[in-house]
Amino acid sequence: MAYALQDEKVRDSINNERLLKMLDRGIDDMEAGRELPLTEAFVKITELRNSRRNAEV
C-alpha cells in the first residue's frame, strides 16, 4: 500500500513538472512576442488535435 501511494506521488510530481515547463515556455513566448491572434490560435489548436487523432488511427 505504501508503494502505491509513493508511486502516485511520483506521478503527480512528474505531471506538475510537465505543467510548469509548459507554462514557462508559454510565458517565454509571450515575453518574446511570439503570440497568435485568438482566431489563428484556435485554428492551430484544431490542426494539432486533428493530426494527433489521425496519428492514433
PDB file of N, CA and C in Angstrom:
ATOM      1  N   MET A   1       0.820  -1.191   0.000  1.00  0.00           N
ATOM      2  CA  MET A   1       0.000   0.000   0.000  1.00  0.00           C
ATOM      3  C   MET A   1       0.868   1.260   0.000  1.00  0.00           C
ATOM      4  N   ALA A   2       1.918   1.244   0.771  1.00  0.00           N
ATOM      5  CA  ALA A   2       2.802   2.410   0.839  1.00  0.00           C
ATOM      6  C   ALA A   2       3.465   2.664  -0.503  1.00  0.00           C
ATOM      7  N   TYR A   3       3.781   1.583  -1.224  1.00  0.00           N
ATOM      8  CA  TYR A   3       4.402   1.753  -2.538  1.00  0.00           C
ATOM      9  C   TYR A   3       3.439   2.392  -3.524  1.00  0.00           C
ATOM     10  N   ALA A   4       2.170   2.027  -3.432  1.00  0.00           N
ATOM     11  CA  ALA A   4       1.165   2.608  -4.325  1.00  0.00           C
ATOM     12  C   ALA A   4       1.045   4.110  -4.080  1.00  0.00           C
ATOM     13  N   LEU A   5       1.049   4.520  -2.830  1.00  0.00           N
ATOM     14  CA  LEU A   5       0.979   5.951  -2.508  1.00  0.00           C
ATOM     15  C   LEU A   5       2.220   6.674  -2.990  1.00  0.00           C
ATOM     16  N   GLN A   6       3.361   6.044  -2.828  1.00  0.00           N
ATOM     17  CA  GLN A   6       4.607   6.655  -3.272  1.00  0.00           C
ATOM     18  C   GLN A   6       4.612   6.795  -4.791  1.00  0.00           C
ATOM     19  N   ASP A   7       4.162   5.757  -5.516  1.00  0.00           N
ATOM     20  CA  ASP A   7       4.097   5.832  -6.969  1.00  0.00           C
ATOM     21  C   ASP A   7       3.167   6.943  -7.423  1.00  0.00           C
ATOM     22  N   GLU A   8       2.044   7.092  -6.727  1.00  0.00           N
ATOM     23  CA  GLU A   8       1.092   8.143  -7.073  1.00  0.00           C
ATOM     24  C   GLU A   8       1.716   9.522  -6.854  1.00  0.00           C
ATOM     25  N   LYS A   9       2.457   9.688  -5.782  1.00  0.00           N
ATOM     26  CA  LYS A   9       3.113  10.967  -5.514  1.00  0.00           C
ATOM     27  C   LYS A   9       4.160  11.269  -6.577  1.00  0.00           C
ATOM     28  N   VAL A  10       4.882  10.245  -7.013  1.00  0.00           N
ATOM     29  CA  VAL A  10       5.892  10.430  -8.058  1.00  0.00           C
ATOM     30  C   VAL A  10       5.218  10.854  -9.359  1.00  0.00           C
ATOM     31  N   ARG A  11       4.117  10.174  -9.711  1.00  0.00           N
ATOM     32  CA  ARG A  11       3.388  10.534 -10.933  1.00  0.00           C
ATOM     33  C   ARG A  11       2.863  11.960 -10.850  1.00  0.00           C
ATOM     34  N   ASP A  12       2.322  12.348  -9.710  1.00  0.00           N
ATOM     35  CA  ASP A  12       1.824  13.717  -9.539  1.00  0.00           C
ATOM     36  C   ASP A  12       2.954  14.723  -9.678  1.00  0.00           C
ATOM     37  N   SER A  13       4.094  14.411  -9.107  1.00  0.00           N
ATOM     38  CA  SER A  13       5.248  15.303  -9.184  1.00  0.00           C
ATOM     39  C   SER A  13       5.707  15.477 -10.632  1.00  0.00           C
ATOM     40  N   ILE A  14       5.750  14.380 -11.369  1.00  0.00           N
ATOM     41  CA  ILE A  14       6.163  14.441 -12.776  1.00  0.00           C
ATOM     42  C   ILE A  14       5.158  15.258 -13.580  1.00  0.00           C
ATOM     43  N   ASN A  15       3.874  15.033 -13.345  1.00  0.00           N
ATOM     44  CA  ASN A  15       2.847  15.795 -14.060  1.00  0.00           C
ATOM     45  C   ASN A  15       2.935  17.277 -13.733  1.00  0.00           C
ATOM     46  N   ASN A  16       3.194  17.605 -12.470  1.00  0.00           N
ATOM     47  CA  ASN A  16       3.340  19.008 -12.078  1.00  0.00           C
ATOM     48  C   ASN A  16       4.546  19.640 -12.754  1.00  0.00           C
ATOM     49  N   GLU A  17       5.650  18.909 -12.851  1.00  0.00           N
ATOM     50  CA  GLU A  17       6.842  19.427 -13.525  1.00  0.00           C
ATOM     51  C   GLU A  17       6.555  19.699 -14.998  1.00  0.00           C
ATOM     52  N   ARG A  18       5.842  18.789 -15.649  1.00  0.00           N
ATOM     53  CA  ARG A  18       5.490  18.987 -17.064  1.00  0.00           C
ATOM     54  C   ARG A  18       4.633  20.225 -17.231  1.00  0.00           C
ATOM     55  N   LEU A  19       3.663  20.390 -16.363  1.00  0.00           N
ATOM     56  CA  LEU A  19       2.782  21.543 -16.440  1.00  0.00           C
ATOM     57  C   LEU A  19       3.569  22.838 -16.253  1.00  0.00           C
ATOM     58  N   LEU A  20       4.445  22.857 -15.272  1.00  0.00           N
ATOM     59  CA  LEU A  20       5.247  24.056 -15.031  1.00  0.00           C
ATOM     60  C   LEU A  20       6.155  24.376 -16.216  1.00  0.00           C
ATOM     61  N   LYS A  21       6.712  23.355 -16.856  1.00  0.00           N
ATOM     62  CA  LYS A  21       7.553  23.584 -18.039  1.00  0.00           C
ATOM     63  C   LYS A  21       6.736  24.181 -19.176  1.00  0.00           C
ATOM     64  N   MET A  22       5.505  23.664 -19.374  1.00  0.00           N
ATOM     65  CA  MET A  22       4.650  24.210 -20.424  1.00  0.00           C
ATOM     66  C   MET A  22       4.306  25.665 -20.132  1.00  0.00           C
ATOM     67  N   LEU A  23       3.995  25.964 -18.882  1.00  0.00           N
ATOM     68  CA  LEU A  23       3.676  27.343 -18.518  1.00  0.00           C
ATOM     69  C   LEU A  23       4.886  28.257 -18.705  1.00  0.00           C
ATOM     70  N   ASP A  24       6.063  27.779 -18.335  1.00  0.00           N
ATOM     71  CA  ASP A  24       7.279  28.577 -18.522  1.00  0.00           C
ATOM     72  C   ASP A  24       7.521  28.878 -19.997  1.00  0.00           C
ATOM     73  N   ARG A  25       7.327  27.866 -20.848  1.00  0.00           N
ATOM     74  CA  ARG A  25       7.509  28.083 -22.289  1.00  0.00           C
ATOM     75  C   ARG A  25       6.486  29.085 -22.808  1.00  0.00           C
ATOM     76  N   GLY A  26       5.256  28.996 -22.314  1.00  0.00           N
ATOM     77  CA  GLY A  26       4.230  29.939 -22.748  1.00  0.00           C
ATOM     78  C   GLY A  26       4.565  31.359 -22.330  1.00  0.00           C
ATOM     79  N   ILE A  27       5.041  31.516 -21.120  1.00  0.00           N
ATOM     80  CA  ILE A  27       5.442  32.846 -20.641  1.00  0.00           C
ATOM     81  C   ILE A  27       6.621  33.365 -21.457  1.00  0.00           C
ATOM     82  N   ASP A  28       7.586  32.492 -21.737  1.00  0.00           N
ATOM     83  CA  ASP A  28       8.729  32.895 -22.568  1.00  0.00           C
ATOM     84  C   ASP A  28       8.268  33.360 -23.943  1.00  0.00           C
ATOM     85  N   ASP A  29       7.317  32.635 -24.535  1.00  0.00           N
ATOM     86  CA  ASP A  29       6.804  33.020 -25.846  1.00  0.00           C
ATOM     87  C   ASP A  29       6.114  34.375 -25.790  1.00  0.00           C
ATOM     88  N   MET A  30       5.323  34.610 -24.750  1.00  0.00           N
ATOM     89  CA  MET A  30       4.644  35.902 -24.626  1.00  0.00           C
ATOM     90  C   MET A  30       5.654  37.031 -24.463  1.00  0.00           C
ATOM     91  N   GLU A  31       6.675  36.792 -23.658  1.00  0.00           N
ATOM     92  CA  GLU A  31       7.688  37.830 -23.445  1.00  0.00           C
ATOM     93  C   GLU A  31       8.461  38.128 -24.721  1.00  0.00           C
ATOM     94  N   ALA A  32       8.640  37.104 -25.562  1.00  0.00           N
ATOM     95  CA  ALA A  32       9.375  37.289 -26.812  1.00  0.00           C
ATOM     96  C   ALA A  32       8.475  37.796 -27.934  1.00  0.00           C
ATOM     97  N   GLY A  33       7.180  37.944 -27.657  1.00  0.00           N
ATOM     98  CA  GLY A  33       6.261  38.455 -28.666  1.00  0.00           C
ATOM     99  C   GLY A  33       5.790  37.404 -29.654  1.00  0.00           C
ATOM    100  N   ARG A  34       5.948  36.136 -29.316  1.00  0.00           N
ATOM    101  CA  ARG A  34       5.507  35.056 -30.203  1.00  0.00           C
ATOM    102  C   ARG A  34       4.099  34.616 -29.794  1.00  0.00           C
ATOM    103  N   GLU A  35       3.152  35.441 -30.153  1.00  0.00           N
ATOM    104  CA  GLU A  35       1.758  35.160 -29.821  1.00  0.00           C
ATOM    105  C   GLU A  35       0.938  35.156 -31.103  1.00  0.00           C
ATOM    106  N   LEU A  36      -0.104  34.342 -31.116  1.00  0.00           N
ATOM    107  CA  LEU A  36      -1.027  34.322 -32.239  1.00  0.00           C
ATOM    108  C   LEU A  36      -2.310  35.037 -31.840  1.00  0.00           C
ATOM    109  N   PRO A  37      -2.950  35.681 -32.809  1.00  0.00           N
ATOM    110  CA  PRO A  37      -4.286  36.205 -32.525  1.00  0.00           C
ATOM    111  C   PRO A  37      -5.207  35.040 -32.160  1.00  0.00           C
ATOM    112  N   LEU A  38      -6.266  35.324 -31.435  1.00  0.00           N
ATOM    113  CA  LEU A  38      -7.144  34.283 -30.906  1.00  0.00           C
ATOM    114  C   LEU A  38      -7.674  33.351 -31.991  1.00  0.00           C
ATOM    115  N   THR A  39      -8.151  33.904 -33.094  1.00  0.00           N
ATOM    116  CA  THR A  39      -8.719  33.048 -34.145  1.00  0.00           C
ATOM    117  C   THR A  39      -7.649  32.141 -34.747  1.00  0.00           C
ATOM    118  N   GLU A  40      -6.446  32.662 -34.970  1.00  0.00           N
ATOM    119  CA  GLU A  40      -5.357  31.847 -35.513  1.00  0.00           C
ATOM    120  C   GLU A  40      -4.931  30.771 -34.517  1.00  0.00           C
ATOM    121  N   ALA A  41      -4.972  31.099 -33.249  1.00  0.00           N
ATOM    122  CA  ALA A  41      -4.596  30.120 -32.221  1.00  0.00           C
ATOM    123  C   ALA A  41      -5.570  28.948 -32.224  1.00  0.00           C
ATOM    124  N   PHE A  42      -6.863  29.221 -32.347  1.00  0.00           N
ATOM    125  CA  PHE A  42      -7.842  28.136 -32.369  1.00  0.00           C
ATOM    126  C   PHE A  42      -7.717  27.295 -33.636  1.00  0.00           C
ATOM    127  N   VAL A  43      -7.370  27.927 -34.750  1.00  0.00           N
ATOM    128  CA  VAL A  43      -7.132  27.165 -35.983  1.00  0.00           C
ATOM    129  C   VAL A  43      -5.945  26.235 -35.787  1.00  0.00           C
ATOM    130  N   LYS A  44      -4.897  26.728 -35.189  1.00  0.00           N
ATOM    131  CA  LYS A  44      -3.696  25.917 -34.943  1.00  0.00           C
ATOM    132  C   LYS A  44      -4.007  24.765 -33.977  1.00  0.00           C
ATOM    133  N   ILE A  45      -4.777  25.045 -32.931  1.00  0.00           N
ATOM    134  CA  ILE A  45      -5.166  24.004 -31.982  1.00  0.00           C
ATOM    135  C   ILE A  45      -5.939  22.908 -32.697  1.00  0.00           C
ATOM    136  N   THR A  46      -6.859  23.299 -33.563  1.00  0.00           N
ATOM    137  CA  THR A  46      -7.648  22.315 -34.313  1.00  0.00           C
ATOM    138  C   THR A  46      -6.747  21.474 -35.209  1.00  0.00           C
ATOM    139  N   GLU A  47      -5.789  22.110 -35.883  1.00  0.00           N
ATOM    140  CA  GLU A  47      -4.857  21.372 -36.740  1.00  0.00           C
ATOM    141  C   GLU A  47      -4.052  20.358 -35.935  1.00  0.00           C
ATOM    142  N   LEU A  48      -3.536  20.780 -34.800  1.00  0.00           N
ATOM    143  CA  LEU A  48      -2.739  19.882 -33.969  1.00  0.00           C
ATOM    144  C   LEU A  48      -3.571  18.723 -33.436  1.00  0.00           C
ATOM    145  N   ARG A  49      -4.780  19.017 -32.993  1.00  0.00           N
ATOM    146  CA  ARG A  49      -5.661  17.980 -32.479  1.00  0.00           C
ATOM    147  C   ARG A  49      -5.992  16.963 -33.567  1.00  0.00           C
ATOM    148  N   ASN A  50      -6.289  17.452 -34.762  1.00  0.00           N
ATOM    149  CA  ASN A  50      -6.618  16.544 -35.864  1.00  0.00           C
ATOM    150  C   ASN A  50      -5.422  15.682 -36.263  1.00  0.00           C
ATOM    151  N   SER A  51      -4.244  16.269 -36.267  1.00  0.00           N
ATOM    152  CA  SER A  51      -3.059  15.481 -36.638  1.00  0.00           C
ATOM    153  C   SER A  51      -2.764  14.411 -35.586  1.00  0.00           C
ATOM    154  N   ARG A  52      -2.988  14.722 -34.320  1.00  0.00           N
ATOM    155  CA  ARG A  52      -2.789  13.716 -33.271  1.00  0.00           C
ATOM    156  C   ARG A  52      -3.823  12.611 -33.367  1.00  0.00           C
ATOM    157  N   ARG A  53      -5.065  12.975 -33.668  1.00  0.00           N
ATOM    158  CA  ARG A  53      -6.111  11.966 -33.820  1.00  0.00           C
ATOM    159  C   ARG A  53      -5.807  11.051 -35.004  1.00  0.00           C
ATOM    160  N   ASN A  54      -5.344  11.642 -36.102  1.00  0.00           N
ATOM    161  CA  ASN A  54      -5.034  10.848 -37.300  1.00  0.00           C
ATOM    162  C   ASN A  54      -3.833   9.944 -37.060  1.00  0.00           C
ATOM    163  N   ALA A  55      -2.902  10.388 -36.219  1.00  0.00           N
ATOM    164  CA  ALA A  55      -1.719   9.570 -35.915  1.00  0.00           C
ATOM    165  C   ALA A  55      -2.090   8.366 -35.068  1.00  0.00           C
ATOM    166  N   GLU A  56      -3.125   8.491 -34.236  1.00  0.00           N
ATOM    167  CA  GLU A  56      -3.545   7.392 -33.377  1.00  0.00           C
ATOM    168  C   GLU A  56      -4.230   6.280 -34.166  1.00  0.00           C
ATOM    169  N   VAL A  57      -4.843   6.628 -35.271  1.00  0.00           N
ATOM    170  CA  VAL A  57      -5.604   5.651 -36.064  1.00  0.00           C
ATOM    171  C   VAL A  57      -4.693   4.784 -36.827  1.00  0.00           C
TER     172      VAL A  57
END
